Amino acid sequence: MSAIPDYYRILHVQPDAPAALIHASYRTLLQRVLNATSVGSRDAALLDEAYAVLGDERRRAAYDRELMPPHGPRAEEAADVMAANACLFCGTPHGLQRSIERDDDCGRCGSPLCPAERHRLEYSGQRMLSRIPKHRGINLYVTWPQPEPFVAEMRDLSLNGMQFTAAVRLQANQIVKIDCAELQALARVAHTATADSLDRWTTGVEFLTLRFRQSRGSFVSAHV
């Protein structure tokens, strides 16, 4: 019996993602594939296949039951799942003919390729992992190539994402690259609002790919 494709991983969304986020992620990823001339139609077909299931309420419900039966192993434990074949940030194909590993990065922009783990919400709707307040500088890239990063300030951090302030206003669903003392990541902008001063904005992001710089530490060891 073949492994069930992980359409959530293919579209880089969490299993509890709302329909609007699934649609936005599909459009963003599809546009990046179409803009990367060296990437074949196979990747676009895979995105179309995933969206055909997750974008339909009934098919998604049936898929969820098949992916995670009430009394059976999780599908992602059965086999590795094919990830996107190109960097989500710069669109460069990575050319790996194997499962992506923790230390794999893009040969062009240096972005981590390993997908971030998805941490689900409890049935109450509350996050299983609370955000930990952290105030420190981060380097923020919003396009590639970008000669110098924007300097932003982290406000809080979880294994799902982070919140920061910066002197640049980002758009919902925009993909950004983050580099700081704890981690490197590609993330999708979830929301943006004005901060305390008029020339700064507070932004919340969800990690798409993630690599911690060390396997142990005050944050990682407490939550992994």
N, C-alpha and C. Protein backbone atom coordinates (compact mmCIF):
# COMPACT_ATOMS: atom_id res chain seq x y z
N MET A 1 0.86 -1.19 0.00
CA MET A 1 0.00 0.00 0.00
C MET A 1 0.89 1.25 0.00
N SER A 2 0.65 2.15 -0.92
CA SER A 2 1.48 3.34 -1.02
C SER A 2 1.13 4.34 0.07
N ALA A 3 2.12 5.15 0.46
CA ALA A 3 1.91 6.16 1.49
C ALA A 3 0.96 7.25 0.97
N ILE A 4 0.20 7.81 1.89
CA ILE A 4 -0.73 8.87 1.54
C ILE A 4 0.05 10.17 1.37
N PRO A 5 -0.09 10.87 0.25
CA PRO A 5 0.62 12.15 0.09
C PRO A 5 0.19 13.14 1.16
N ASP A 6 1.13 13.87 1.70
CA ASP A 6 0.82 14.89 2.71
C ASP A 6 0.56 16.21 2.00
N TYR A 7 -0.68 16.45 1.63
CA TYR A 7 -1.03 17.65 0.89
C TYR A 7 -0.84 18.90 1.74
N TYR A 8 -0.97 18.79 3.05
CA TYR A 8 -0.73 19.95 3.91
C TYR A 8 0.73 20.39 3.83
N ARG A 9 1.63 19.41 3.83
CA ARG A 9 3.05 19.75 3.73
C ARG A 9 3.38 20.32 2.35
N ILE A 10 2.75 19.77 1.32
CA ILE A 10 3.00 20.24 -0.04
C ILE A 10 2.59 21.71 -0.18
N LEU A 11 1.47 22.09 0.45
CA LEU A 11 0.99 23.47 0.38
C LEU A 11 1.53 24.33 1.52
N HIS A 12 2.36 23.75 2.38
CA HIS A 12 3.00 24.49 3.48
C HIS A 12 1.99 25.17 4.39
N VAL A 13 0.98 24.41 4.78
CA VAL A 13 -0.01 24.91 5.73
C VAL A 13 -0.20 23.85 6.82
N GLN A 14 -0.76 24.26 7.93
CA GLN A 14 -1.05 23.35 9.02
C GLN A 14 -2.39 22.66 8.77
N PRO A 15 -2.61 21.47 9.35
CA PRO A 15 -3.87 20.76 9.13
C PRO A 15 -5.10 21.51 9.61
N ASP A 16 -4.93 22.49 10.52
CA ASP A 16 -6.08 23.26 10.98
C ASP A 16 -6.20 24.60 10.24
N ALA A 17 -5.47 24.76 9.15
CA ALA A 17 -5.50 26.03 8.42
C ALA A 17 -6.89 26.29 7.82
N PRO A 18 -7.37 27.52 7.89
CA PRO A 18 -8.66 27.85 7.27
C PRO A 18 -8.57 27.82 5.75
N ALA A 19 -9.72 27.73 5.11
CA ALA A 19 -9.77 27.61 3.65
C ALA A 19 -9.09 28.79 2.96
N ALA A 20 -9.25 29.99 3.51
CA ALA A 20 -8.66 31.18 2.89
C ALA A 20 -7.14 31.09 2.87
N LEU A 21 -6.52 30.56 3.94
CA LEU A 21 -5.07 30.44 4.00
C LEU A 21 -4.58 29.37 3.03
N ILE A 22 -5.33 28.28 2.90
CA ILE A 22 -4.96 27.23 1.95
C ILE A 22 -4.98 27.79 0.53
N HIS A 23 -6.00 28.57 0.21
CA HIS A 23 -6.09 29.16 -1.13
C HIS A 23 -4.93 30.12 -1.37
N ALA A 24 -4.62 30.97 -0.38
CA ALA A 24 -3.55 31.95 -0.55
C ALA A 24 -2.20 31.26 -0.70
N SER A 25 -1.97 30.21 0.08
CA SER A 25 -0.70 29.49 -0.01
C SER A 25 -0.56 28.81 -1.36
N TYR A 26 -1.64 28.23 -1.84
CA TYR A 26 -1.63 27.58 -3.15
C TYR A 26 -1.28 28.58 -4.25
N ARG A 27 -1.90 29.74 -4.22
CA ARG A 27 -1.64 30.75 -5.25
C ARG A 27 -0.19 31.25 -5.19
N THR A 28 0.32 31.45 -3.97
CA THR A 28 1.69 31.93 -3.81
C THR A 28 2.70 30.91 -4.33
N LEU A 29 2.53 29.65 -3.93
CA LEU A 29 3.46 28.61 -4.36
C LEU A 29 3.37 28.36 -5.86
N LEU A 30 2.16 28.38 -6.39
CA LEU A 30 1.99 28.15 -7.82
C LEU A 30 2.66 29.24 -8.63
N GLN A 31 2.53 30.49 -8.18
CA GLN A 31 3.15 31.60 -8.89
C GLN A 31 4.67 31.48 -8.88
N ARG A 32 5.23 31.03 -7.76
CA ARG A 32 6.68 30.86 -7.68
C ARG A 32 7.15 29.75 -8.63
N VAL A 33 6.37 28.68 -8.73
CA VAL A 33 6.73 27.59 -9.63
C VAL A 33 6.67 28.07 -11.07
N LEU A 34 5.63 28.80 -11.42
CA LEU A 34 5.48 29.28 -12.79
C LEU A 34 6.54 30.30 -13.16
N ASN A 35 7.03 31.05 -12.18
CA ASN A 35 8.06 32.06 -12.45
C ASN A 35 9.46 31.45 -12.55
N ALA A 36 9.63 30.23 -12.02
CA ALA A 36 10.92 29.57 -12.08
C ALA A 36 10.97 28.75 -13.37
N THR A 37 11.61 29.30 -14.38
CA THR A 37 11.56 28.69 -15.71
C THR A 37 12.22 27.33 -15.76
N SER A 38 13.15 27.05 -14.83
CA SER A 38 13.86 25.77 -14.85
C SER A 38 13.10 24.67 -14.12
N VAL A 39 11.95 25.01 -13.52
CA VAL A 39 11.15 24.02 -12.80
C VAL A 39 10.06 23.52 -13.74
N GLY A 40 9.91 22.22 -13.86
CA GLY A 40 8.94 21.64 -14.78
C GLY A 40 7.52 21.73 -14.29
N SER A 41 6.61 21.23 -15.14
CA SER A 41 5.19 21.28 -14.84
C SER A 41 4.79 20.29 -13.76
N ARG A 42 5.72 19.37 -13.42
CA ARG A 42 5.39 18.37 -12.40
C ARG A 42 5.08 19.01 -11.06
N ASP A 43 5.83 20.05 -10.70
CA ASP A 43 5.59 20.73 -9.42
C ASP A 43 4.24 21.43 -9.41
N ALA A 44 3.89 22.08 -10.52
CA ALA A 44 2.59 22.74 -10.61
C ALA A 44 1.47 21.71 -10.52
N ALA A 45 1.66 20.56 -11.13
CA ALA A 45 0.65 19.51 -11.09
C ALA A 45 0.46 18.99 -9.67
N LEU A 46 1.56 18.90 -8.92
CA LEU A 46 1.48 18.45 -7.53
C LEU A 46 0.73 19.45 -6.67
N LEU A 47 0.99 20.74 -6.89
CA LEU A 47 0.25 21.77 -6.16
C LEU A 47 -1.23 21.72 -6.52
N ASP A 48 -1.53 21.54 -7.81
CA ASP A 48 -2.92 21.46 -8.25
C ASP A 48 -3.62 20.27 -7.60
N GLU A 49 -2.92 19.15 -7.53
CA GLU A 49 -3.49 17.93 -6.93
C GLU A 49 -3.81 18.16 -5.46
N ALA A 50 -2.88 18.80 -4.74
CA ALA A 50 -3.09 19.06 -3.32
C ALA A 50 -4.25 20.02 -3.10
N TYR A 51 -4.31 21.06 -3.92
CA TYR A 51 -5.37 22.06 -3.74
C TYR A 51 -6.75 21.50 -4.13
N ALA A 52 -6.77 20.60 -5.11
CA ALA A 52 -8.04 20.00 -5.52
C ALA A 52 -8.68 19.25 -4.35
N VAL A 53 -7.86 18.72 -3.45
CA VAL A 53 -8.37 17.99 -2.29
C VAL A 53 -8.63 18.94 -1.12
N LEU A 54 -7.64 19.73 -0.74
CA LEU A 54 -7.78 20.59 0.44
C LEU A 54 -8.68 21.79 0.18
N GLY A 55 -8.85 22.15 -1.09
CA GLY A 55 -9.72 23.28 -1.40
C GLY A 55 -11.18 22.92 -1.49
N ASP A 56 -11.48 21.63 -1.39
CA ASP A 56 -12.86 21.16 -1.44
C ASP A 56 -13.23 20.62 -0.05
N GLU A 57 -14.26 21.17 0.56
CA GLU A 57 -14.60 20.85 1.95
C GLU A 57 -14.84 19.36 2.16
N ARG A 58 -15.60 18.73 1.28
CA ARG A 58 -15.92 17.32 1.46
C ARG A 58 -14.70 16.43 1.22
N ARG A 59 -13.95 16.74 0.16
CA ARG A 59 -12.76 15.93 -0.13
C ARG A 59 -11.71 16.10 0.97
N ARG A 60 -11.62 17.31 1.53
CA ARG A 60 -10.65 17.53 2.62
C ARG A 60 -11.03 16.72 3.85
N ALA A 61 -12.33 16.68 4.19
CA ALA A 61 -12.77 15.92 5.35
C ALA A 61 -12.48 14.43 5.17
N ALA A 62 -12.73 13.92 3.98
CA ALA A 62 -12.45 12.51 3.70
C ALA A 62 -10.95 12.24 3.75
N TYR A 63 -10.17 13.17 3.24
CA TYR A 63 -8.71 13.03 3.24
C TYR A 63 -8.17 13.04 4.67
N ASP A 64 -8.71 13.93 5.52
CA ASP A 64 -8.26 13.99 6.91
C ASP A 64 -8.51 12.67 7.62
N ARG A 65 -9.65 12.05 7.35
CA ARG A 65 -9.95 10.77 7.98
C ARG A 65 -8.98 9.68 7.51
N GLU A 66 -8.60 9.74 6.25
CA GLU A 66 -7.66 8.77 5.71
C GLU A 66 -6.24 9.02 6.19
N LEU A 67 -5.87 10.32 6.29
CA LEU A 67 -4.52 10.68 6.69
C LEU A 67 -4.26 10.34 8.14
N MET A 68 -5.23 10.60 9.01
CA MET A 68 -5.07 10.38 10.44
C MET A 68 -6.27 9.63 10.99
N PRO A 69 -6.36 8.31 10.78
CA PRO A 69 -7.47 7.54 11.30
C PRO A 69 -7.49 7.60 12.82
N PRO A 70 -8.68 7.46 13.45
CA PRO A 70 -8.78 7.59 14.91
C PRO A 70 -7.88 6.63 15.68
N HIS A 71 -7.66 5.42 15.14
CA HIS A 71 -6.87 4.42 15.87
C HIS A 71 -5.79 3.85 14.96
N GLY A 72 -4.89 4.69 14.53
CA GLY A 72 -3.82 4.22 13.66
C GLY A 72 -2.65 5.16 13.69
N PRO A 73 -1.53 4.78 13.11
CA PRO A 73 -0.34 5.65 13.11
C PRO A 73 -0.54 6.85 12.22
N ARG A 74 0.15 7.92 12.53
CA ARG A 74 0.11 9.11 11.70
C ARG A 74 0.77 8.82 10.36
N ALA A 75 0.21 9.38 9.31
CA ALA A 75 0.70 9.09 7.97
C ALA A 75 2.14 9.52 7.78
N GLU A 76 2.52 10.65 8.43
CA GLU A 76 3.88 11.14 8.22
C GLU A 76 4.92 10.23 8.88
N GLU A 77 4.48 9.31 9.75
CA GLU A 77 5.39 8.36 10.34
C GLU A 77 5.62 7.18 9.41
N ALA A 78 4.75 6.99 8.42
CA ALA A 78 4.84 5.83 7.54
C ALA A 78 5.92 5.99 6.49
N ALA A 79 6.08 7.21 5.97
CA ALA A 79 7.06 7.42 4.88
C ALA A 79 7.36 8.89 4.76
N ASP A 80 8.52 9.18 4.16
CA ASP A 80 8.85 10.57 3.86
C ASP A 80 7.93 11.07 2.76
N VAL A 81 7.64 12.36 2.78
CA VAL A 81 6.75 12.95 1.79
C VAL A 81 7.53 13.92 0.93
N MET A 82 7.23 13.92 -0.33
CA MET A 82 7.93 14.81 -1.26
C MET A 82 7.64 16.27 -0.90
N ALA A 83 8.68 17.06 -0.73
CA ALA A 83 8.53 18.48 -0.43
C ALA A 83 8.66 19.27 -1.73
N ALA A 84 8.46 20.57 -1.63
CA ALA A 84 8.61 21.42 -2.81
C ALA A 84 10.02 21.29 -3.36
N ASN A 85 10.16 21.35 -4.68
CA ASN A 85 11.44 21.15 -5.32
C ASN A 85 12.25 22.42 -5.48
N ALA A 86 11.73 23.54 -5.03
CA ALA A 86 12.44 24.81 -5.18
C ALA A 86 12.37 25.61 -3.89
N CYS A 87 13.33 26.48 -3.70
CA CYS A 87 13.35 27.36 -2.53
C CYS A 87 12.11 28.25 -2.56
N LEU A 88 11.44 28.34 -1.43
CA LEU A 88 10.23 29.16 -1.36
C LEU A 88 10.53 30.65 -1.44
N PHE A 89 11.78 31.03 -1.15
CA PHE A 89 12.11 32.45 -1.10
C PHE A 89 12.58 33.00 -2.43
N CYS A 90 13.58 32.34 -3.03
CA CYS A 90 14.13 32.86 -4.29
C CYS A 90 13.70 32.06 -5.50
N GLY A 91 13.04 30.90 -5.29
CA GLY A 91 12.53 30.11 -6.40
C GLY A 91 13.54 29.22 -7.07
N THR A 92 14.76 29.13 -6.52
CA THR A 92 15.80 28.30 -7.14
C THR A 92 15.56 26.82 -6.84
N PRO A 93 15.53 25.95 -7.87
CA PRO A 93 15.38 24.51 -7.62
C PRO A 93 16.56 23.98 -6.81
N HIS A 94 16.28 23.12 -5.82
CA HIS A 94 17.38 22.61 -5.01
C HIS A 94 18.00 21.35 -5.60
N GLY A 95 17.32 20.65 -6.47
CA GLY A 95 17.89 19.51 -7.17
C GLY A 95 18.14 18.29 -6.32
N LEU A 96 17.62 18.25 -5.09
CA LEU A 96 17.84 17.10 -4.22
C LEU A 96 16.94 15.95 -4.64
N GLN A 97 17.52 14.78 -4.77
CA GLN A 97 16.76 13.59 -5.14
C GLN A 97 16.54 12.70 -3.91
N ARG A 98 16.32 13.32 -2.79
CA ARG A 98 16.10 12.61 -1.52
C ARG A 98 15.27 13.49 -0.61
N SER A 99 14.94 12.95 0.55
CA SER A 99 14.20 13.74 1.53
C SER A 99 15.07 14.89 2.04
N ILE A 100 14.44 16.03 2.26
CA ILE A 100 15.18 17.19 2.75
C ILE A 100 15.55 16.98 4.21
N GLU A 101 16.79 17.27 4.55
CA GLU A 101 17.28 17.11 5.91
C GLU A 101 17.45 18.45 6.60
N ARG A 102 17.70 18.40 7.90
CA ARG A 102 17.71 19.59 8.74
C ARG A 102 18.69 20.65 8.26
N ASP A 103 19.88 20.25 7.82
CA ASP A 103 20.92 21.22 7.47
C ASP A 103 20.94 21.60 6.00
N ASP A 104 19.98 21.13 5.21
CA ASP A 104 19.92 21.49 3.80
C ASP A 104 19.49 22.94 3.64
N ASP A 105 20.16 23.66 2.76
CA ASP A 105 19.76 25.03 2.50
C ASP A 105 19.85 25.33 1.01
N CYS A 106 19.30 26.46 0.61
CA CYS A 106 19.30 26.86 -0.79
C CYS A 106 20.71 27.28 -1.20
N GLY A 107 21.17 26.78 -2.33
CA GLY A 107 22.51 27.12 -2.78
C GLY A 107 22.63 28.55 -3.28
N ARG A 108 21.50 29.22 -3.49
CA ARG A 108 21.53 30.60 -4.00
C ARG A 108 21.39 31.62 -2.89
N CYS A 109 20.32 31.53 -2.10
CA CYS A 109 20.06 32.57 -1.09
C CYS A 109 20.35 32.10 0.33
N GLY A 110 20.70 30.80 0.51
CA GLY A 110 21.05 30.31 1.83
C GLY A 110 19.89 30.03 2.75
N SER A 111 18.67 30.08 2.25
CA SER A 111 17.49 29.84 3.08
C SER A 111 17.40 28.37 3.47
N PRO A 112 16.94 28.06 4.69
CA PRO A 112 16.76 26.66 5.07
C PRO A 112 15.64 26.03 4.25
N LEU A 113 15.81 24.76 3.89
CA LEU A 113 14.83 24.06 3.06
C LEU A 113 13.93 23.13 3.86
N CYS A 114 14.38 22.72 5.03
CA CYS A 114 13.63 21.73 5.80
C CYS A 114 12.31 22.31 6.31
N PRO A 115 11.18 21.69 5.98
CA PRO A 115 9.89 22.23 6.41
C PRO A 115 9.78 22.27 7.93
N ALA A 116 9.14 23.32 8.44
CA ALA A 116 8.90 23.43 9.87
C ALA A 116 7.87 22.39 10.29
N GLU A 117 8.04 21.86 11.49
CA GLU A 117 7.05 20.92 12.01
C GLU A 117 5.76 21.67 12.31
N ARG A 118 4.67 20.98 12.11
CA ARG A 118 3.37 21.58 12.38
C ARG A 118 2.94 21.22 13.80
N HIS A 119 2.59 22.21 14.59
CA HIS A 119 2.11 21.98 15.95
C HIS A 119 0.64 22.37 15.99
N ARG A 120 -0.18 21.39 16.25
CA ARG A 120 -1.62 21.58 16.11
C ARG A 120 -2.21 22.37 17.26
N LEU A 121 -3.44 22.84 17.05
CA LEU A 121 -4.19 23.50 18.10
C LEU A 121 -4.94 22.45 18.91
N GLU A 122 -5.15 22.74 20.18
CA GLU A 122 -5.97 21.87 20.99
C GLU A 122 -7.42 21.99 20.54
N TYR A 123 -8.26 21.04 20.98
CA TYR A 123 -9.67 21.08 20.58
C TYR A 123 -10.36 22.33 21.10
N SER A 124 -9.82 22.92 22.17
CA SER A 124 -10.41 24.15 22.70
C SER A 124 -10.12 25.34 21.80
N GLY A 125 -9.20 25.16 20.84
CA GLY A 125 -8.84 26.26 19.96
C GLY A 125 -7.65 27.04 20.44
N GLN A 126 -7.13 26.67 21.62
CA GLN A 126 -5.97 27.37 22.15
C GLN A 126 -4.69 26.74 21.63
N ARG A 127 -3.65 27.54 21.49
CA ARG A 127 -2.38 27.01 20.99
C ARG A 127 -1.79 26.05 22.02
N MET A 128 -1.30 24.90 21.52
CA MET A 128 -0.63 23.96 22.41
C MET A 128 0.68 24.55 22.93
N LEU A 129 1.29 25.43 22.13
CA LEU A 129 2.55 26.03 22.51
C LEU A 129 2.37 27.53 22.64
N SER A 130 2.57 28.05 23.83
CA SER A 130 2.45 29.48 24.03
C SER A 130 3.69 30.17 23.52
N ARG A 131 3.53 31.43 23.16
CA ARG A 131 4.67 32.23 22.71
C ARG A 131 5.47 32.72 23.92
N ILE A 132 6.77 32.66 23.80
CA ILE A 132 7.67 33.11 24.87
C ILE A 132 8.18 34.50 24.52
N PRO A 133 7.99 35.48 25.40
CA PRO A 133 8.51 36.82 25.11
C PRO A 133 10.03 36.81 24.95
N LYS A 134 10.50 37.38 23.86
CA LYS A 134 11.93 37.50 23.61
C LYS A 134 12.17 38.81 22.87
N HIS A 135 13.09 39.60 23.36
CA HIS A 135 13.39 40.88 22.73
C HIS A 135 14.85 40.87 22.28
N ARG A 136 15.03 40.75 20.98
CA ARG A 136 16.38 40.79 20.44
C ARG A 136 16.30 41.10 18.95
N GLY A 137 17.41 41.51 18.38
CA GLY A 137 17.44 41.88 16.98
C GLY A 137 17.39 40.69 16.05
N ILE A 138 16.75 40.86 14.90
CA ILE A 138 16.74 39.86 13.85
C ILE A 138 17.01 40.54 12.52
N ASN A 139 17.57 39.79 11.59
CA ASN A 139 17.76 40.27 10.23
C ASN A 139 16.60 39.78 9.38
N LEU A 140 16.01 40.68 8.62
CA LEU A 140 14.80 40.39 7.86
C LEU A 140 15.04 40.66 6.38
N TYR A 141 14.79 39.66 5.55
CA TYR A 141 14.89 39.81 4.11
C TYR A 141 13.49 39.67 3.51
N VAL A 142 13.12 40.61 2.68
CA VAL A 142 11.77 40.60 2.10
C VAL A 142 11.79 40.31 0.60
N THR A 143 12.96 40.29 -0.01
CA THR A 143 13.08 39.98 -1.43
C THR A 143 14.48 39.43 -1.68
N TRP A 144 14.69 38.90 -2.86
CA TRP A 144 16.02 38.40 -3.22
C TRP A 144 16.33 38.76 -4.67
N PRO A 145 17.53 39.29 -4.94
CA PRO A 145 18.57 39.61 -3.95
C PRO A 145 18.25 40.89 -3.18
N GLN A 146 18.74 40.96 -1.96
CA GLN A 146 18.59 42.14 -1.10
C GLN A 146 19.95 42.40 -0.47
N PRO A 147 20.65 43.48 -0.85
CA PRO A 147 22.02 43.72 -0.41
C PRO A 147 22.18 43.71 1.11
N GLU A 148 21.29 44.38 1.82
CA GLU A 148 21.38 44.46 3.27
C GLU A 148 20.01 44.13 3.88
N PRO A 149 19.99 43.37 4.98
CA PRO A 149 18.72 43.04 5.60
C PRO A 149 18.13 44.23 6.35
N PHE A 150 16.81 44.23 6.51
CA PHE A 150 16.18 45.14 7.45
C PHE A 150 16.47 44.65 8.85
N VAL A 151 16.69 45.58 9.77
CA VAL A 151 16.90 45.21 11.17
C VAL A 151 15.56 45.30 11.88
N ALA A 152 15.09 44.19 12.42
CA ALA A 152 13.81 44.13 13.13
C ALA A 152 14.06 43.69 14.56
N GLU A 153 13.02 43.78 15.40
CA GLU A 153 13.14 43.37 16.80
C GLU A 153 12.10 42.31 17.11
N MET A 154 12.58 41.14 17.53
CA MET A 154 11.68 40.08 17.93
C MET A 154 10.93 40.47 19.20
N ARG A 155 9.64 40.13 19.24
CA ARG A 155 8.84 40.37 20.44
C ARG A 155 8.51 39.07 21.17
N ASP A 156 8.18 38.03 20.44
CA ASP A 156 7.93 36.73 21.06
C ASP A 156 8.17 35.64 20.04
N LEU A 157 8.27 34.39 20.55
CA LEU A 157 8.69 33.27 19.71
C LEU A 157 8.03 31.99 20.18
N SER A 158 7.60 31.16 19.22
CA SER A 158 7.13 29.81 19.51
C SER A 158 7.66 28.90 18.42
N LEU A 159 7.39 27.60 18.52
CA LEU A 159 7.81 26.68 17.48
C LEU A 159 6.98 26.84 16.21
N ASN A 160 5.87 27.56 16.30
CA ASN A 160 5.03 27.80 15.14
C ASN A 160 5.39 29.08 14.40
N GLY A 161 5.91 30.07 15.11
CA GLY A 161 6.18 31.35 14.47
C GLY A 161 6.73 32.36 15.45
N MET A 162 6.71 33.62 15.04
CA MET A 162 7.18 34.69 15.91
C MET A 162 6.46 35.99 15.58
N GLN A 163 6.65 36.95 16.46
CA GLN A 163 6.14 38.30 16.24
C GLN A 163 7.30 39.27 16.37
N PHE A 164 7.35 40.27 15.48
CA PHE A 164 8.45 41.23 15.53
C PHE A 164 7.95 42.59 15.07
N THR A 165 8.75 43.61 15.34
CA THR A 165 8.47 44.95 14.84
C THR A 165 9.58 45.35 13.88
N ALA A 166 9.21 46.12 12.86
CA ALA A 166 10.19 46.54 11.86
C ALA A 166 9.70 47.83 11.20
N ALA A 167 10.63 48.54 10.58
CA ALA A 167 10.31 49.78 9.89
C ALA A 167 9.93 49.51 8.44
N VAL A 168 9.30 48.39 8.19
CA VAL A 168 8.83 48.04 6.87
C VAL A 168 7.47 47.35 7.03
N ARG A 169 6.54 47.74 6.18
CA ARG A 169 5.20 47.16 6.25
C ARG A 169 5.12 45.99 5.29
N LEU A 170 4.78 44.82 5.81
CA LEU A 170 4.69 43.61 5.01
C LEU A 170 3.24 43.30 4.68
N GLN A 171 3.05 42.54 3.61
CA GLN A 171 1.72 42.17 3.16
C GLN A 171 1.36 40.77 3.63
N ALA A 172 0.07 40.55 3.87
CA ALA A 172 -0.41 39.24 4.29
C ALA A 172 0.00 38.19 3.25
N ASN A 173 0.48 37.04 3.73
CA ASN A 173 0.91 35.90 2.93
C ASN A 173 2.24 36.12 2.21
N GLN A 174 2.88 37.27 2.44
CA GLN A 174 4.21 37.48 1.88
C GLN A 174 5.20 36.53 2.56
N ILE A 175 6.14 35.99 1.80
CA ILE A 175 7.14 35.09 2.35
C ILE A 175 8.43 35.87 2.60
N VAL A 176 8.95 35.77 3.82
CA VAL A 176 10.15 36.51 4.22
C VAL A 176 11.18 35.53 4.77
N LYS A 177 12.43 35.98 4.77
CA LYS A 177 13.53 35.19 5.34
C LYS A 177 13.96 35.85 6.65
N ILE A 178 14.14 35.04 7.69
CA ILE A 178 14.50 35.53 9.01
C ILE A 178 15.79 34.87 9.46
N ASP A 179 16.69 35.68 9.99
CA ASP A 179 17.98 35.18 10.48
C ASP A 179 18.26 35.85 11.82
N CYS A 180 18.43 35.03 12.87
CA CYS A 180 18.71 35.60 14.19
C CYS A 180 19.55 34.62 14.98
N ALA A 181 19.81 34.94 16.23
CA ALA A 181 20.71 34.11 17.05
C ALA A 181 20.17 32.71 17.26
N GLU A 182 18.85 32.56 17.37
CA GLU A 182 18.27 31.26 17.65
C GLU A 182 18.05 30.40 16.42
N LEU A 183 17.72 31.04 15.29
CA LEU A 183 17.24 30.24 14.17
C LEU A 183 17.39 30.96 12.84
N GLN A 184 17.20 30.18 11.79
CA GLN A 184 17.01 30.68 10.44
C GLN A 184 15.69 30.10 9.95
N ALA A 185 14.91 30.89 9.21
CA ALA A 185 13.60 30.42 8.80
C ALA A 185 13.09 31.18 7.60
N LEU A 186 12.20 30.53 6.86
CA LEU A 186 11.33 31.22 5.93
C LEU A 186 9.95 31.21 6.57
N ALA A 187 9.24 32.31 6.45
CA ALA A 187 7.97 32.43 7.14
C ALA A 187 6.95 33.16 6.28
N ARG A 188 5.69 32.87 6.54
CA ARG A 188 4.59 33.55 5.86
C ARG A 188 3.99 34.58 6.80
N VAL A 189 3.77 35.79 6.28
CA VAL A 189 3.18 36.85 7.09
C VAL A 189 1.71 36.52 7.35
N ALA A 190 1.34 36.45 8.64
CA ALA A 190 -0.03 36.17 9.02
C ALA A 190 -0.82 37.45 9.25
N HIS A 191 -0.18 38.45 9.84
CA HIS A 191 -0.88 39.73 10.09
C HIS A 191 0.14 40.83 10.31
N THR A 192 -0.27 42.06 10.05
CA THR A 192 0.56 43.23 10.27
C THR A 192 -0.31 44.34 10.86
N ALA A 193 0.22 45.05 11.85
CA ALA A 193 -0.50 46.15 12.48
C ALA A 193 0.50 47.22 12.86
N THR A 194 0.02 48.45 13.06
CA THR A 194 0.90 49.53 13.47
C THR A 194 1.41 49.27 14.89
N ALA A 195 2.66 49.63 15.13
CA ALA A 195 3.27 49.46 16.45
C ALA A 195 3.10 50.75 17.25
N ASP A 196 3.93 50.90 18.29
CA ASP A 196 3.81 52.07 19.15
C ASP A 196 4.11 53.36 18.41
N SER A 197 5.05 53.34 17.47
CA SER A 197 5.38 54.52 16.70
C SER A 197 4.83 54.38 15.28
N LEU A 198 4.56 55.49 14.63
CA LEU A 198 3.92 55.49 13.33
C LEU A 198 4.80 54.92 12.22
N ASP A 199 6.12 54.93 12.43
CA ASP A 199 7.01 54.46 11.38
C ASP A 199 7.45 53.01 11.58
N ARG A 200 6.77 52.27 12.45
CA ARG A 200 7.08 50.87 12.66
C ARG A 200 5.80 50.04 12.65
N TRP A 201 5.94 48.78 12.26
CA TRP A 201 4.79 47.87 12.19
C TRP A 201 5.11 46.59 12.95
N THR A 202 4.09 46.05 13.59
CA THR A 202 4.19 44.76 14.27
C THR A 202 3.68 43.68 13.34
N THR A 203 4.47 42.64 13.14
CA THR A 203 4.14 41.58 12.19
C THR A 203 4.20 40.22 12.86
N GLY A 204 3.20 39.40 12.61
CA GLY A 204 3.19 38.02 13.08
C GLY A 204 3.38 37.09 11.90
N VAL A 205 4.27 36.10 12.04
CA VAL A 205 4.56 35.19 10.94
C VAL A 205 4.43 33.74 11.39
N GLU A 206 4.17 32.88 10.42
CA GLU A 206 4.12 31.43 10.63
C GLU A 206 5.31 30.81 9.90
N PHE A 207 6.07 29.98 10.58
CA PHE A 207 7.24 29.35 9.97
C PHE A 207 6.83 28.37 8.89
N LEU A 208 7.51 28.45 7.74
CA LEU A 208 7.34 27.48 6.66
C LEU A 208 8.50 26.50 6.65
N THR A 209 9.72 27.02 6.72
CA THR A 209 10.91 26.19 6.91
C THR A 209 11.61 26.72 8.16
N LEU A 210 12.38 25.85 8.81
CA LEU A 210 12.95 26.26 10.10
C LEU A 210 14.19 25.44 10.42
N ARG A 211 15.23 26.14 10.90
CA ARG A 211 16.43 25.47 11.38
C ARG A 211 16.93 26.21 12.61
N PHE A 212 16.96 25.52 13.75
CA PHE A 212 17.54 26.09 14.95
C PHE A 212 19.05 25.97 14.87
N ARG A 213 19.74 26.97 15.37
CA ARG A 213 21.20 26.98 15.29
C ARG A 213 21.83 25.99 16.25
N GLN A 214 21.11 25.62 17.31
CA GLN A 214 21.61 24.61 18.23
C GLN A 214 20.45 23.75 18.67
N SER A 215 20.74 22.49 18.95
CA SER A 215 19.68 21.54 19.28
C SER A 215 19.23 21.66 20.72
N ARG A 216 20.00 22.33 21.55
CA ARG A 216 19.62 22.52 22.94
C ARG A 216 19.73 23.99 23.31
N GLY A 217 18.94 24.37 24.28
CA GLY A 217 18.94 25.76 24.70
C GLY A 217 17.71 26.04 25.52
N SER A 218 17.59 27.25 26.04
CA SER A 218 16.49 27.59 26.94
C SER A 218 15.15 27.47 26.25
N PHE A 219 15.08 27.78 24.95
CA PHE A 219 13.81 27.70 24.25
C PHE A 219 13.58 26.30 23.69
N VAL A 220 14.57 25.77 22.98
CA VAL A 220 14.39 24.51 22.28
C VAL A 220 14.18 23.36 23.25
N SER A 221 15.02 23.25 24.26
CA SER A 221 14.95 22.11 25.18
C SER A 221 13.67 22.11 25.98
N ALA A 222 13.05 23.27 26.16
CA ALA A 222 11.82 23.35 26.94
C ALA A 222 10.60 22.94 26.16
N HIS A 223 10.71 22.87 24.82
CA HIS A 223 9.53 22.64 24.02
C HIS A 223 9.64 21.48 23.07
N VAL A 224 10.80 20.90 22.90
CA VAL A 224 10.96 19.81 21.94
C VAL A 224 11.02 18.47 22.69
